[in-house]
Structures are given as structure tokens and as C-alpha cells.
Amino acid sequence: MTALTLSTAAASGLRADAIVIGVAKGANGPVVAPGAEAVDKAYDGRLAGVLETLGASGGEGEVTKLPAPSGFKAPLVLAVGLGAAPEKDADYDSEALRKAAGVAARALAGSKKAGFALPLGDAAAAGALGEGALLGAYSFDAYKANGQDAKAKNGKAPLAEVTLLGGKPRDKAYKAAIERAVAVSEELNRARDLINTPPNDLNPESFAAIAQAAAKEHGIKVQVLDEKALVKGGYGGILGVGAGSAAGPRLVKLSYTSSKARKHLAFIGKGITYDSGGISLKPAGHNETMKCDMSGAAAVFAAVVAAARLGLEVNVTGWLALAENMPSGSATRPGDVLRMYSGKTVEVLNTDAEGRLVLADALWAASQEKPDAIVDVATLTGAMVLALGNRTFGIMGNDDAFRAALHEAAEEVGEPAWPMPLPEHLRKGMDSPTADIANMGERMGSGLVAGLFLREFVGEGITWAHLDIAGPAFNEGGPFGYTPKGGTGSAVRTLVRVAELTAAGELG
């Protein structure tokens, strides 16, 4: 993991491989952003002109490299685009800082140390820059021939150390912001590692073991229900999905408690460690990335551990509904009826609509504890990708105010999201002549149908929201901002923020 420090050192005197500065789009060309005053002075106040000559415009994600001026101990200046310059006397928003820091950290892969002379007006800016740098420096190389050693030899090891220049190392607010950035980023990157791990190495049992180890390290109570316990408890949804796999399903409960807590949140994650579609087999071209179908469980796991590391004054219970969806002689068939943990029966019309089945059991289990609110997270439907694209997740719920609060929290931390409805007329499409409900309904609006199905398994009177992260959970394109190719850790920061707001009495 990249080291993160604050420093009051001058940019010229810092021994580093590079000094990172910001450049923004101004009305008349590129503008050097605050934080880089010493660098601009060393260029006789002509740095903006030099950058423009080199082709820089200040556009978001743009990177321009130039030799450091005489007298600097670092040999390189790296200018990173911040996008449009804010209005006079206004600060750069946190997401612009996160993205710029992430781009810079990725561009400096192979370097040992960089000084970030980016806009750092307060502790919040320090936290945003730190978070962006740590997330942008992420790499997954566990399966490379020689791991990180091979990358180091090729000059591609992650940036080893980031020093935020202009920070206040002894200031409590700055220290707290950096500690938060480190905790959240480390856990989010752990979620990315899990998502990127091949399914031959990550199955429900091994995922549960990883959760147990982390729980022990951070003082979190953990309970793992194996196949026998699931059968005894009557968890028909989880068992039905996992029936075709040689790797048995698991339900993992992670309980973080605070002695000062006044509220209790339950987070539930879909954890399909590989989704073949089951008997309703996915067509070629649709299953190569299905190791990512446990992204919801990874996000919940990361959020609970982050809450514990931050010592948030709220009780948070995480439920990881883990199964592998495979076709075999023992697999659930289209037309089978499952008796769920709630006692309701579900006619399975499509075994590739499996996520809602494991979530349904976990939702009912969580409801028995009467939490103040439940949030489930899942790569649930391709329909949500069609509706919102690859970078935005959908938010549904049984309470408009809670749904709006989650949307606001997601936008605040830089995770694009959009509130979606649960139209009552779509519920009728799931009526079954055989069972209480079918796991499929109308094709049009099927992402909303999935939300309506989940709502059936939320305890009466409990506030609930559903995050469908099918689009942003796994990035099949090139990296951007602080987002890498592969697993992204989508929804981790939203869940952590929801826990923080609840602890502060500002939500719920």
C-alpha cells in the first residue's frame, strides 16, 4: 500500500522523484492551481505559458511532464488537469481533487516518492487528495509471474509514497482526515482485490475465511453459517443457488458494535463468487467477468471493517450472502420452487436471476434484528446498466427520504448514483400459480422488478434501500481518475458515509 504523509516542506527542497501540481482550464487558457506557487515562481511566473506551449489545457485527467526548475531537488514536475477552474475565491471540489490525485499517482507508477503540491485549503481537501492518491495507485498483481518484484524491475510498481505539501501534520483535523483516507482506501482496495481474484481461488468458503481473519484483526464479531447450518435454518434461497456447485454456500454475519451507538445499520451484500447462470446458462461473451458478481459482498465487507477501524459510534452488521451459481445434476432447475428463510415460496423461472434469491434470505435474517435501516448492495441486473450506463448505480427503496439521503451521500463521496422508482404495477408480473412469488416478472423494467422482489423480504416497518451496482462494479475499459481497470470497489465509500452520517445523528 502506498504510504501517505503530510508535510510543511517547500516543494523545492523535497527529495522526491516528482512534484505534482494542478492546472485548470481558465477562460483564456490554462491556469496554475493553488499549491504550486513556489513552482510557478521558479519558472519566473510563466509556468502557465510553458504548460500551454507543451499542449496542456487543464482538462480533467490530462498529464503533462516537464523538467523541474533549477534548484529543485526533484527532477520532474508533473502537471495534472483539474478541469474547469472554479469561480474566483471558490475552492476546487473534493471530487476534482480525488480524480487529479488518482491520475497523478497512476502516472507515477514506478516512482518511490512524489510531493503533491495540489490545492490543499483545509483538512477535507487533504482527505480527498489522500483518498484519490491511494486509490489511484492501486494495482492487482498477485497472479503475475513475480508479483510486485516483476513490476518493480519494469518500472511499474505502484507509487511508494505520497507527501501532501502544505498539509499540517500536527493539526488534529488534518491527521483525522488522513487516517480516514487511509482506512477507507485500504479497505476499498481490499474489496478490489477480492473482486479481481479468480473464482478458482475465491469461493464461498475461502471468502468466509478471509472475512473471519479480518474480523479477528479488527475486533468484529463473526458468525459463519455453512451448508449444514443453512439447511437447519431453512435458508432455501442461498441453498438453492449454491446447489449446483461443488463449493458449498455460506452466510457470513459481521457485527461491529460501539458502546456509544444509538442506531443500528444492516448492510447486505450479494456474494456470487462465480455466476455461470446455472441451468439458465449465460451465452458466450457474458460470463468471462462473472467473478465480479460478489462485488456487493466485497463492498459490505470493506465497509464494516472500515467502520470498525474508524471507531464510528453506530452498530453495523454486515451480511455476506455467498454462493457459486453452477449447472450440474444437483442444480436448481427452472420451474423448481424454493422455500425461503422467511417461509415464503419462490418459483424459479430463471436460475440466472439468482442474486435476488440469496439476498432475500439475508434480508429476512437481517430484519429479525430490527435494525434502524437496511441497505443491500448487488450487481443485480443488466437492466440497470442499460438504464444508467457503466459508471452510475441505481438506488431503490421503500422510503423516499432515505433513498434521497443515500443518493446525496453517494454524490458527496464521488460515487455517481441515481434514484429509481418501484412502480407498483410491475409487482403483478411476479405472481405465480404455483408459489407465493416468482423470481422473474416483466422484461421491461426488470431492474425495478428485481427491487420489488427484494422488498417482499424486508421486515415490516423497516427502512430499506437497494443499490444495484451492476454498471460501476467492474471496469472493463481503461482506467480513469482514481478508478482502475477491473474491480472498482463501488459503493464502499457510500456505505461508510451512510454509517458516518448515522453515527452523527444526521441520517435516520
Protein backbone atom coordinates (compact mmCIF):
# COMPACT_ATOMS: atom_id res chain seq x y z
CA MET A 1 0.00 0.00 0.00
CA THR A 2 1.26 3.47 -0.86
CA ALA A 3 2.39 5.47 2.18
CA LEU A 4 0.66 8.80 2.79
CA THR A 5 2.15 11.71 4.76
CA LEU A 6 1.62 15.42 5.37
CA SER A 7 4.49 17.89 5.14
CA THR A 8 5.15 21.60 5.50
CA ALA A 9 8.33 21.29 3.43
CA ALA A 10 8.89 23.58 0.46
CA ALA A 11 8.41 21.95 -2.93
CA SER A 12 11.91 22.97 -3.98
CA GLY A 13 13.58 21.22 -1.03
CA LEU A 14 11.68 17.93 -1.07
CA ARG A 15 13.77 14.94 -2.07
CA ALA A 16 11.40 13.10 -4.37
CA ASP A 17 11.07 11.70 -7.86
CA ALA A 18 8.48 14.29 -8.83
CA ILE A 19 6.48 17.29 -7.72
CA VAL A 20 2.81 17.16 -8.73
CA ILE A 21 0.98 20.40 -9.44
CA GLY A 22 -2.51 21.20 -10.66
CA VAL A 23 -3.51 23.04 -13.80
CA ALA A 24 -7.06 24.08 -14.59
CA LYS A 25 -9.00 25.33 -17.59
CA GLY A 26 -9.31 29.09 -17.41
CA ALA A 27 -11.23 31.49 -19.62
CA ASN A 28 -8.07 32.43 -21.52
CA GLY A 29 -6.04 29.24 -21.28
CA PRO A 30 -4.52 27.03 -18.61
CA VAL A 31 -4.31 28.34 -15.04
CA VAL A 32 -1.85 27.11 -12.43
CA ALA A 33 -3.83 25.90 -9.41
CA PRO A 34 -3.15 26.92 -5.79
CA GLY A 35 -0.43 24.94 -4.08
CA ALA A 36 2.03 25.38 -6.93
CA GLU A 37 3.03 28.98 -6.20
CA ALA A 38 6.66 28.08 -5.43
CA VAL A 39 6.94 26.08 -8.64
CA ASP A 40 5.41 28.90 -10.69
CA LYS A 41 7.81 31.40 -9.09
CA ALA A 42 10.78 29.21 -10.05
CA TYR A 43 9.58 29.47 -13.67
CA ASP A 44 9.53 33.28 -13.28
CA GLY A 45 5.75 33.26 -13.14
CA ARG A 46 5.47 31.83 -16.64
CA LEU A 47 4.53 28.26 -15.78
CA ALA A 48 1.03 28.53 -17.30
CA GLY A 49 2.55 29.70 -20.59
CA VAL A 50 5.11 26.89 -20.55
CA LEU A 51 2.38 24.33 -19.96
CA GLU A 52 0.25 25.78 -22.77
CA THR A 53 3.25 25.58 -25.12
CA LEU A 54 3.56 21.90 -24.20
CA GLY A 55 -0.09 21.36 -25.13
CA ALA A 56 -1.67 21.45 -21.68
CA SER A 57 -5.19 22.84 -21.40
CA GLY A 58 -6.05 21.90 -17.81
CA GLY A 59 -8.64 19.37 -18.92
CA GLU A 60 -9.65 16.69 -16.41
CA GLY A 61 -7.26 13.74 -16.44
CA GLU A 62 -4.63 15.45 -18.57
CA VAL A 63 -0.98 14.82 -17.63
CA THR A 64 1.97 16.98 -18.69
CA LYS A 65 5.56 16.32 -17.66
CA LEU A 66 8.36 18.89 -17.68
CA PRO A 67 11.83 19.17 -16.13
CA ALA A 68 11.88 20.69 -12.66
CA PRO A 69 13.34 24.20 -12.47
CA SER A 70 16.87 24.88 -11.30
CA GLY A 71 17.34 24.46 -7.55
CA PHE A 72 14.68 21.79 -7.09
CA LYS A 73 15.78 18.50 -5.57
CA ALA A 74 13.09 16.62 -7.52
CA PRO A 75 13.98 16.19 -11.20
CA LEU A 76 10.41 16.25 -12.57
CA VAL A 77 7.28 18.39 -12.42
CA LEU A 78 4.06 16.60 -13.30
CA ALA A 79 1.09 18.83 -14.06
CA VAL A 80 -2.30 17.14 -13.78
CA GLY A 81 -5.54 18.59 -15.15
CA LEU A 82 -8.26 19.58 -12.69
CA GLY A 83 -10.92 20.53 -15.21
CA ALA A 84 -12.66 23.91 -15.20
CA ALA A 85 -11.23 26.45 -12.77
CA PRO A 86 -13.72 27.40 -10.03
CA GLU A 87 -15.10 30.89 -9.74
CA LYS A 88 -12.99 33.50 -8.00
CA ASP A 89 -12.36 32.71 -4.30
CA ALA A 90 -14.10 29.33 -4.63
CA ASP A 91 -12.35 26.08 -3.77
CA TYR A 92 -11.86 23.10 -6.03
CA ASP A 93 -14.46 20.46 -5.20
CA SER A 94 -13.38 17.27 -3.50
CA GLU A 95 -14.08 15.00 -6.46
CA ALA A 96 -11.88 17.07 -8.78
CA LEU A 97 -9.06 16.75 -6.24
CA ARG A 98 -9.62 12.99 -5.85
CA LYS A 99 -9.53 12.44 -9.60
CA ALA A 100 -6.43 14.58 -10.13
CA ALA A 101 -4.56 12.85 -7.32
CA GLY A 102 -5.56 9.45 -8.70
CA VAL A 103 -4.38 10.30 -12.21
CA ALA A 104 -1.07 11.61 -10.86
CA ALA A 105 -0.48 8.54 -8.68
CA ARG A 106 -1.11 6.22 -11.62
CA ALA A 107 1.12 8.29 -13.94
CA LEU A 108 3.97 7.99 -11.42
CA ALA A 109 3.89 4.20 -11.15
CA GLY A 110 7.45 3.02 -10.65
CA SER A 111 8.44 6.07 -8.59
CA LYS A 112 9.46 5.89 -4.94
CA LYS A 113 8.19 9.27 -3.76
CA ALA A 114 6.20 12.23 -5.02
CA GLY A 115 5.30 15.55 -3.46
CA PHE A 116 1.75 16.64 -4.24
CA ALA A 117 1.60 20.45 -4.42
CA LEU A 118 -2.10 20.46 -5.26
CA PRO A 119 -4.83 22.73 -3.80
CA LEU A 120 -4.88 22.00 -0.08
CA GLY A 121 -7.05 24.59 1.58
CA ASP A 122 -8.35 22.54 4.50
CA ALA A 123 -8.49 19.10 6.10
CA ALA A 124 -11.29 17.96 3.78
CA ALA A 125 -9.09 18.70 0.77
CA ALA A 126 -6.26 16.73 2.37
CA GLY A 127 -8.59 13.78 2.84
CA ALA A 128 -9.81 13.95 -0.76
CA LEU A 129 -6.27 14.17 -2.15
CA GLY A 130 -5.08 11.33 0.08
CA GLU A 131 -8.00 9.13 -0.88
CA GLY A 132 -7.54 9.82 -4.58
CA ALA A 133 -3.82 9.11 -4.45
CA LEU A 134 -4.20 5.82 -2.54
CA LEU A 135 -6.99 4.60 -4.80
CA GLY A 136 -5.21 5.73 -7.96
CA ALA A 137 -2.01 3.94 -7.00
CA TYR A 138 -3.83 0.60 -6.72
CA SER A 139 -2.61 -2.37 -8.73
CA PHE A 140 -3.50 -6.06 -8.71
CA ASP A 141 -0.50 -8.25 -9.50
CA ALA A 142 -0.90 -11.31 -7.27
CA TYR A 143 -1.09 -13.52 -10.33
CA LYS A 144 1.82 -12.00 -12.26
CA ALA A 145 4.88 -14.23 -12.66
CA ASN A 146 6.86 -12.48 -9.92
CA GLY A 147 4.22 -10.24 -8.41
CA GLN A 148 5.39 -6.80 -7.37
CA ASP A 149 9.05 -7.71 -7.92
CA ALA A 150 8.41 -8.09 -11.65
CA LYS A 151 6.64 -4.73 -11.72
CA ALA A 152 9.48 -3.04 -9.86
CA LYS A 153 12.03 -4.31 -12.38
CA ASN A 154 9.90 -3.00 -15.23
CA GLY A 155 9.34 0.38 -13.53
CA LYS A 156 5.65 -0.35 -12.92
CA ALA A 157 5.43 -0.83 -9.15
CA PRO A 158 2.81 1.40 -7.52
CA LEU A 159 3.99 4.80 -6.34
CA ALA A 160 5.53 4.02 -2.96
CA GLU A 161 4.99 7.29 -1.06
CA VAL A 162 2.83 10.38 -1.43
CA THR A 163 3.63 13.52 0.54
CA LEU A 164 0.92 16.18 0.61
CA LEU A 165 2.72 19.52 0.64
CA GLY A 166 1.08 22.34 2.52
CA GLY A 167 -0.51 19.93 4.97
CA LYS A 168 -0.46 20.36 8.73
CA PRO A 169 0.98 17.20 10.30
CA ARG A 170 0.18 18.27 13.87
CA ASP A 171 -3.33 19.57 13.21
CA LYS A 172 -5.99 17.19 14.60
CA ALA A 173 -8.39 17.75 11.72
CA TYR A 174 -5.71 17.08 9.12
CA LYS A 175 -4.48 13.99 10.95
CA ALA A 176 -8.03 12.67 11.23
CA ALA A 177 -8.66 13.29 7.52
CA ILE A 178 -5.53 11.36 6.56
CA GLU A 179 -6.33 8.49 8.94
CA ARG A 180 -9.81 8.26 7.44
CA ALA A 181 -8.43 8.32 3.90
CA VAL A 182 -6.01 5.51 4.73
CA ALA A 183 -8.64 3.31 6.44
CA VAL A 184 -11.29 3.73 3.75
CA SER A 185 -8.83 3.37 0.87
CA GLU A 186 -7.14 0.29 2.29
CA GLU A 187 -10.46 -1.45 2.81
CA LEU A 188 -11.78 -0.37 -0.58
CA ASN A 189 -8.60 -1.72 -2.19
CA ARG A 190 -9.11 -4.96 -0.26
CA ALA A 191 -12.56 -5.17 -1.86
CA ARG A 192 -10.95 -4.62 -5.26
CA ASP A 193 -8.52 -7.46 -4.56
CA LEU A 194 -11.40 -9.80 -3.73
CA ILE A 195 -13.31 -8.84 -6.88
CA ASN A 196 -10.22 -9.36 -9.04
CA THR A 197 -9.34 -12.74 -7.52
CA PRO A 198 -10.12 -15.61 -9.91
CA PRO A 199 -13.06 -17.80 -8.93
CA ASN A 200 -10.88 -20.91 -8.70
CA ASP A 201 -9.26 -19.26 -5.68
CA LEU A 202 -12.22 -17.34 -4.26
CA ASN A 203 -15.27 -19.42 -3.44
CA PRO A 204 -17.81 -19.03 -0.62
CA GLU A 205 -15.67 -20.96 1.86
CA SER A 206 -12.44 -19.04 1.18
CA PHE A 207 -14.29 -15.70 1.17
CA ALA A 208 -15.76 -16.57 4.56
CA ALA A 209 -12.27 -17.44 5.87
CA ILE A 210 -10.93 -14.06 4.71
CA ALA A 211 -13.82 -12.33 6.49
CA GLN A 212 -13.12 -14.31 9.67
CA ALA A 213 -9.45 -13.30 9.65
CA ALA A 214 -10.25 -9.61 9.15
CA ALA A 215 -12.92 -9.72 11.84
CA LYS A 216 -10.47 -11.16 14.34
CA GLU A 217 -7.91 -8.48 13.49
CA HIS A 218 -10.34 -5.59 13.97
CA GLY A 219 -12.45 -6.78 16.88
CA ILE A 220 -15.54 -7.61 14.84
CA LYS A 221 -17.79 -10.47 15.88
CA VAL A 222 -18.26 -13.01 13.09
CA GLN A 223 -20.63 -15.91 12.52
CA VAL A 224 -20.42 -18.24 9.52
CA LEU A 225 -23.33 -20.49 8.57
CA ASP A 226 -22.12 -23.44 6.48
CA GLU A 227 -24.30 -25.81 4.46
CA LYS A 228 -25.46 -27.81 7.48
CA ALA A 229 -26.41 -24.66 9.39
CA LEU A 230 -28.16 -23.23 6.33
CA VAL A 231 -30.18 -26.44 5.91
CA LYS A 232 -31.08 -26.47 9.61
CA GLY A 233 -32.10 -22.81 9.46
CA GLY A 234 -34.15 -23.18 6.31
CA TYR A 235 -32.22 -20.77 4.08
CA GLY A 236 -33.74 -22.11 0.87
CA GLY A 237 -32.69 -19.21 -1.34
CA ILE A 238 -28.96 -19.43 -0.61
CA LEU A 239 -29.03 -23.22 -0.69
CA GLY A 240 -30.97 -23.26 -3.96
CA VAL A 241 -28.47 -21.02 -5.71
CA GLY A 242 -25.48 -22.97 -4.41
CA ALA A 243 -26.97 -26.41 -5.06
CA GLY A 244 -25.18 -26.96 -8.38
CA SER A 245 -21.68 -26.18 -7.15
CA ALA A 246 -19.05 -28.38 -5.55
CA ALA A 247 -18.23 -25.34 -3.40
CA GLY A 248 -20.93 -25.03 -0.75
CA PRO A 249 -22.67 -21.73 0.06
CA ARG A 250 -22.13 -19.63 3.17
CA LEU A 251 -23.90 -16.85 5.04
CA VAL A 252 -21.45 -14.65 6.92
CA LYS A 253 -22.55 -12.21 9.61
CA LEU A 254 -20.11 -9.49 10.66
CA SER A 255 -21.11 -7.45 13.72
CA TYR A 256 -19.32 -4.23 14.62
CA THR A 257 -20.67 -2.67 17.80
CA SER A 258 -19.92 0.60 19.54
CA SER A 259 -20.67 1.23 23.21
CA LYS A 260 -21.82 4.74 22.24
CA ALA A 261 -24.10 3.67 19.39
CA ARG A 262 -27.69 4.85 19.27
CA LYS A 263 -28.51 3.39 15.86
CA HIS A 264 -28.09 0.03 14.15
CA LEU A 265 -27.49 -0.37 10.41
CA ALA A 266 -27.58 -3.63 8.46
CA PHE A 267 -25.63 -3.88 5.20
CA ILE A 268 -26.28 -6.88 2.95
CA GLY A 269 -24.08 -7.91 0.03
CA LYS A 270 -24.70 -10.26 -2.88
CA GLY A 271 -21.73 -12.63 -2.97
CA ILE A 272 -21.98 -14.87 -6.03
CA THR A 273 -18.31 -15.81 -6.33
CA TYR A 274 -18.94 -17.01 -9.87
CA ASP A 275 -22.14 -16.77 -11.86
CA SER A 276 -22.47 -19.12 -14.81
CA GLY A 277 -26.21 -18.52 -14.87
CA GLY A 278 -26.81 -22.05 -13.62
CA ILE A 279 -29.11 -24.20 -15.77
CA SER A 280 -30.18 -20.93 -17.47
CA LEU A 281 -26.62 -20.75 -18.73
CA LYS A 282 -25.23 -17.40 -19.81
CA PRO A 283 -24.29 -17.17 -23.51
CA ALA A 284 -20.67 -16.91 -24.63
CA GLY A 285 -19.28 -13.45 -24.03
CA HIS A 286 -21.36 -12.85 -20.91
CA ASN A 287 -19.58 -14.94 -18.31
CA GLU A 288 -15.88 -14.05 -18.64
CA THR A 289 -16.06 -11.38 -15.94
CA MET A 290 -18.57 -13.10 -13.68
CA LYS A 291 -16.02 -13.38 -10.89
CA CYS A 292 -17.19 -9.83 -10.14
CA ASP A 293 -20.68 -10.97 -9.12
CA MET A 294 -19.61 -10.89 -5.48
CA SER A 295 -18.85 -7.14 -5.61
CA GLY A 296 -21.76 -6.32 -3.32
CA ALA A 297 -20.48 -8.65 -0.61
CA ALA A 298 -16.96 -7.25 -1.06
CA ALA A 299 -18.33 -3.72 -0.60
CA VAL A 300 -20.25 -4.65 2.55
CA PHE A 301 -17.25 -6.48 4.00
CA ALA A 302 -14.99 -3.49 3.34
CA ALA A 303 -17.49 -1.01 4.78
CA VAL A 304 -17.95 -2.92 8.04
CA VAL A 305 -14.19 -3.22 8.56
CA ALA A 306 -13.72 0.47 7.72
CA ALA A 307 -16.42 1.41 10.26
CA ALA A 308 -14.56 -0.60 12.90
CA ARG A 309 -11.21 0.97 12.02
CA LEU A 310 -12.73 4.44 12.24
CA GLY A 311 -14.46 3.65 15.53
CA LEU A 312 -17.80 5.00 14.32
CA GLU A 313 -20.45 5.39 17.00
CA VAL A 314 -23.01 3.22 15.25
CA ASN A 315 -23.65 -0.52 15.25
CA VAL A 316 -23.12 -2.01 11.80
CA THR A 317 -24.00 -5.58 10.88
CA GLY A 318 -22.79 -6.90 7.54
CA TRP A 319 -24.38 -9.92 5.91
CA LEU A 320 -22.45 -11.64 3.11
CA ALA A 321 -24.71 -13.99 1.13
CA LEU A 322 -22.15 -16.25 -0.57
CA ALA A 323 -22.76 -18.91 -3.21
CA GLU A 324 -21.42 -20.13 -6.55
CA ASN A 325 -24.06 -20.48 -9.29
CA MET A 326 -23.17 -23.50 -11.42
CA PRO A 327 -25.03 -26.01 -13.63
CA SER A 328 -24.89 -29.66 -12.63
CA GLY A 329 -27.11 -32.62 -11.89
CA SER A 330 -27.89 -31.18 -8.48
CA ALA A 331 -28.52 -27.61 -9.64
CA THR A 332 -31.81 -25.82 -9.17
CA ARG A 333 -33.92 -26.04 -12.35
CA PRO A 334 -36.24 -23.51 -13.93
CA GLY A 335 -39.64 -24.46 -12.54
CA ASP A 336 -38.35 -25.55 -9.13
CA VAL A 337 -39.91 -24.00 -6.05
CA LEU A 338 -37.71 -22.89 -3.14
CA ARG A 339 -38.92 -22.32 0.40
CA MET A 340 -37.11 -19.23 1.63
CA TYR A 341 -35.88 -18.41 5.14
CA SER A 342 -38.93 -16.15 5.55
CA GLY A 343 -41.24 -19.09 4.87
CA LYS A 344 -42.39 -17.72 1.51
CA THR A 345 -42.08 -19.93 -1.54
CA VAL A 346 -40.45 -18.77 -4.77
CA GLU A 347 -40.93 -20.31 -8.21
CA VAL A 348 -37.58 -20.11 -10.00
CA LEU A 349 -38.31 -19.22 -13.61
CA ASN A 350 -34.71 -18.30 -14.44
CA THR A 351 -31.71 -19.58 -12.49
CA ASP A 352 -29.68 -16.60 -13.71
CA ALA A 353 -31.88 -14.37 -11.54
CA GLU A 354 -30.06 -15.83 -8.55
CA GLY A 355 -28.79 -12.75 -6.74
CA ARG A 356 -32.24 -11.80 -5.52
CA LEU A 357 -32.65 -15.30 -4.05
CA VAL A 358 -29.57 -15.14 -1.81
CA LEU A 359 -30.33 -11.53 -0.88
CA ALA A 360 -33.90 -12.44 0.07
CA ASP A 361 -32.72 -14.87 2.73
CA ALA A 362 -30.19 -12.37 4.07
CA LEU A 363 -32.76 -9.55 4.08
CA TRP A 364 -35.13 -11.61 6.20
CA ALA A 365 -32.31 -12.67 8.55
CA ALA A 366 -31.25 -9.04 8.99
CA SER A 367 -34.85 -7.95 9.53
CA GLN A 368 -35.18 -10.24 12.57
CA GLU A 369 -32.75 -7.98 14.43
CA LYS A 370 -34.95 -4.91 13.80
CA PRO A 371 -32.19 -2.55 12.60
CA ASP A 372 -32.97 1.11 12.05
CA ALA A 373 -32.24 0.69 8.35
CA ILE A 374 -31.12 -1.95 5.87
CA VAL A 375 -29.07 -1.29 2.73
CA ASP A 376 -28.38 -4.10 0.30
CA VAL A 377 -25.73 -3.90 -2.43
CA ALA A 378 -25.64 -6.10 -5.51
CA THR A 379 -24.52 -6.48 -9.09
CA LEU A 380 -28.11 -7.44 -9.67
CA THR A 381 -29.39 -6.67 -13.17
CA GLY A 382 -28.12 -5.94 -16.65
CA ALA A 383 -31.19 -3.74 -16.97
CA MET A 384 -29.63 -1.23 -14.59
CA VAL A 385 -26.57 -0.99 -16.85
CA LEU A 386 -28.85 -0.33 -19.82
CA ALA A 387 -30.66 2.36 -17.84
CA LEU A 388 -27.74 4.15 -16.20
CA GLY A 389 -24.59 3.07 -18.02
CA ASN A 390 -21.31 1.72 -16.68
CA ARG A 391 -20.50 4.37 -14.07
CA THR A 392 -23.75 5.03 -12.20
CA PHE A 393 -25.60 2.77 -9.77
CA GLY A 394 -29.32 2.78 -9.11
CA ILE A 395 -30.93 3.37 -5.73
CA MET A 396 -34.37 1.98 -4.86
CA GLY A 397 -36.12 1.83 -1.53
CA ASN A 398 -39.30 1.78 0.50
CA ASP A 399 -38.75 5.28 1.90
CA ASP A 400 -38.29 8.27 -0.41
CA ALA A 401 -36.44 10.35 2.16
CA PHE A 402 -33.97 7.56 2.91
CA ARG A 403 -33.43 6.93 -0.79
CA ALA A 404 -32.74 10.63 -1.30
CA ALA A 405 -30.31 10.68 1.63
CA LEU A 406 -28.38 7.75 0.15
CA HIS A 407 -28.25 9.49 -3.20
CA GLU A 408 -26.85 12.61 -1.55
CA ALA A 409 -24.28 10.56 0.38
CA ALA A 410 -23.15 8.79 -2.79
CA GLU A 411 -22.73 12.04 -4.70
CA GLU A 412 -20.86 13.57 -1.76
CA VAL A 413 -18.18 10.88 -1.83
CA GLY A 414 -17.89 10.88 -5.61
CA GLU A 415 -19.92 7.77 -6.49
CA PRO A 416 -22.40 8.60 -9.27
CA ALA A 417 -25.86 7.27 -8.42
CA TRP A 418 -29.47 7.87 -9.37
CA PRO A 419 -32.76 7.27 -7.52
CA MET A 420 -35.06 4.77 -9.24
CA PRO A 421 -38.76 4.04 -8.61
CA LEU A 422 -40.52 0.85 -7.55
CA PRO A 423 -43.72 1.00 -9.67
CA GLU A 424 -46.47 -0.99 -8.02
CA HIS A 425 -47.95 -2.16 -11.32
CA LEU A 426 -44.81 -4.23 -12.01
CA ARG A 427 -45.38 -6.40 -8.93
CA LYS A 428 -48.24 -8.33 -10.57
CA GLY A 429 -45.83 -9.75 -13.17
CA MET A 430 -44.22 -11.87 -10.45
CA ASP A 431 -47.46 -13.60 -9.47
CA SER A 432 -47.03 -17.38 -9.69
CA PRO A 433 -49.77 -20.01 -9.99
CA THR A 434 -47.54 -22.41 -8.05
CA ALA A 435 -45.73 -20.40 -5.37
CA ASP A 436 -46.10 -17.20 -3.37
CA ILE A 437 -43.97 -15.30 -5.89
CA ALA A 438 -41.81 -15.94 -8.96
CA ASN A 439 -38.23 -14.73 -9.26
CA MET A 440 -38.96 -13.11 -12.63
CA GLY A 441 -41.55 -10.64 -13.85
CA GLU A 442 -41.96 -8.29 -16.79
CA ARG A 443 -38.90 -7.94 -19.02
CA MET A 444 -39.28 -4.20 -19.45
CA GLY A 445 -38.21 -2.51 -16.24
CA SER A 446 -36.63 -5.72 -14.99
CA GLY A 447 -34.16 -3.83 -12.79
CA LEU A 448 -37.14 -2.35 -10.95
CA VAL A 449 -38.85 -5.75 -10.83
CA ALA A 450 -35.78 -7.10 -9.00
CA GLY A 451 -36.13 -4.31 -6.45
CA LEU A 452 -39.80 -5.13 -5.95
CA PHE A 453 -38.88 -8.78 -5.38
CA LEU A 454 -36.38 -7.83 -2.68
CA ARG A 455 -38.90 -5.57 -0.97
CA GLU A 456 -41.06 -8.64 -0.31
CA PHE A 457 -38.41 -9.94 2.11
CA VAL A 458 -37.84 -6.79 4.17
CA GLY A 459 -39.39 -6.92 7.64
CA GLU A 460 -42.47 -4.80 8.24
CA GLY A 461 -41.73 -1.21 9.27
CA ILE A 462 -38.00 -1.38 8.49
CA THR A 463 -36.47 1.33 6.32
CA TRP A 464 -34.68 -0.26 3.36
CA ALA A 465 -32.73 0.70 0.28
CA HIS A 466 -31.27 -1.35 -2.57
CA LEU A 467 -28.16 -0.34 -4.53
CA ASP A 468 -27.81 -2.01 -7.92
CA ILE A 469 -24.12 -1.59 -8.76
CA ALA A 470 -24.11 -3.81 -11.88
CA GLY A 471 -22.68 -0.99 -14.00
CA PRO A 472 -19.83 0.52 -11.97
CA ALA A 473 -18.69 -2.57 -10.02
CA PHE A 474 -16.28 -3.81 -12.69
CA ASN A 475 -14.48 -1.57 -15.18
CA GLU A 476 -13.79 -3.43 -18.42
CA GLY A 477 -12.38 -0.32 -20.09
CA GLY A 478 -9.25 1.69 -19.37
CA PRO A 479 -8.53 3.31 -16.01
CA PHE A 480 -9.80 6.84 -15.34
CA GLY A 481 -9.41 9.20 -12.42
CA TYR A 482 -8.73 7.01 -9.40
CA THR A 483 -10.66 4.07 -10.90
CA PRO A 484 -8.59 1.13 -12.18
CA LYS A 485 -9.39 -1.48 -14.76
CA GLY A 486 -11.17 -4.44 -13.15
CA GLY A 487 -12.83 -4.38 -9.73
CA THR A 488 -13.64 -0.86 -8.56
CA GLY A 489 -14.96 -1.22 -5.01
CA SER A 490 -18.16 0.61 -5.95
CA ALA A 491 -20.47 1.53 -3.04
CA VAL A 492 -17.84 1.09 -0.30
CA ARG A 493 -17.48 4.83 0.22
CA THR A 494 -21.24 5.38 0.09
CA LEU A 495 -21.82 2.78 2.81
CA VAL A 496 -19.08 4.24 5.01
CA ARG A 497 -20.55 7.72 4.58
CA VAL A 498 -24.04 6.44 5.46
CA ALA A 499 -22.57 4.92 8.63
CA GLU A 500 -20.80 8.18 9.48
CA LEU A 501 -23.93 10.27 8.96
CA THR A 502 -25.99 7.84 11.03
CA ALA A 503 -23.42 7.94 13.84
CA ALA A 504 -23.54 11.74 13.78
CA GLY A 505 -27.34 11.73 14.00
CA GLU A 506 -27.67 13.30 10.56
CA LEU A 507 -29.36 10.31 8.92
CA GLY A 508 -32.23 8.21 10.19
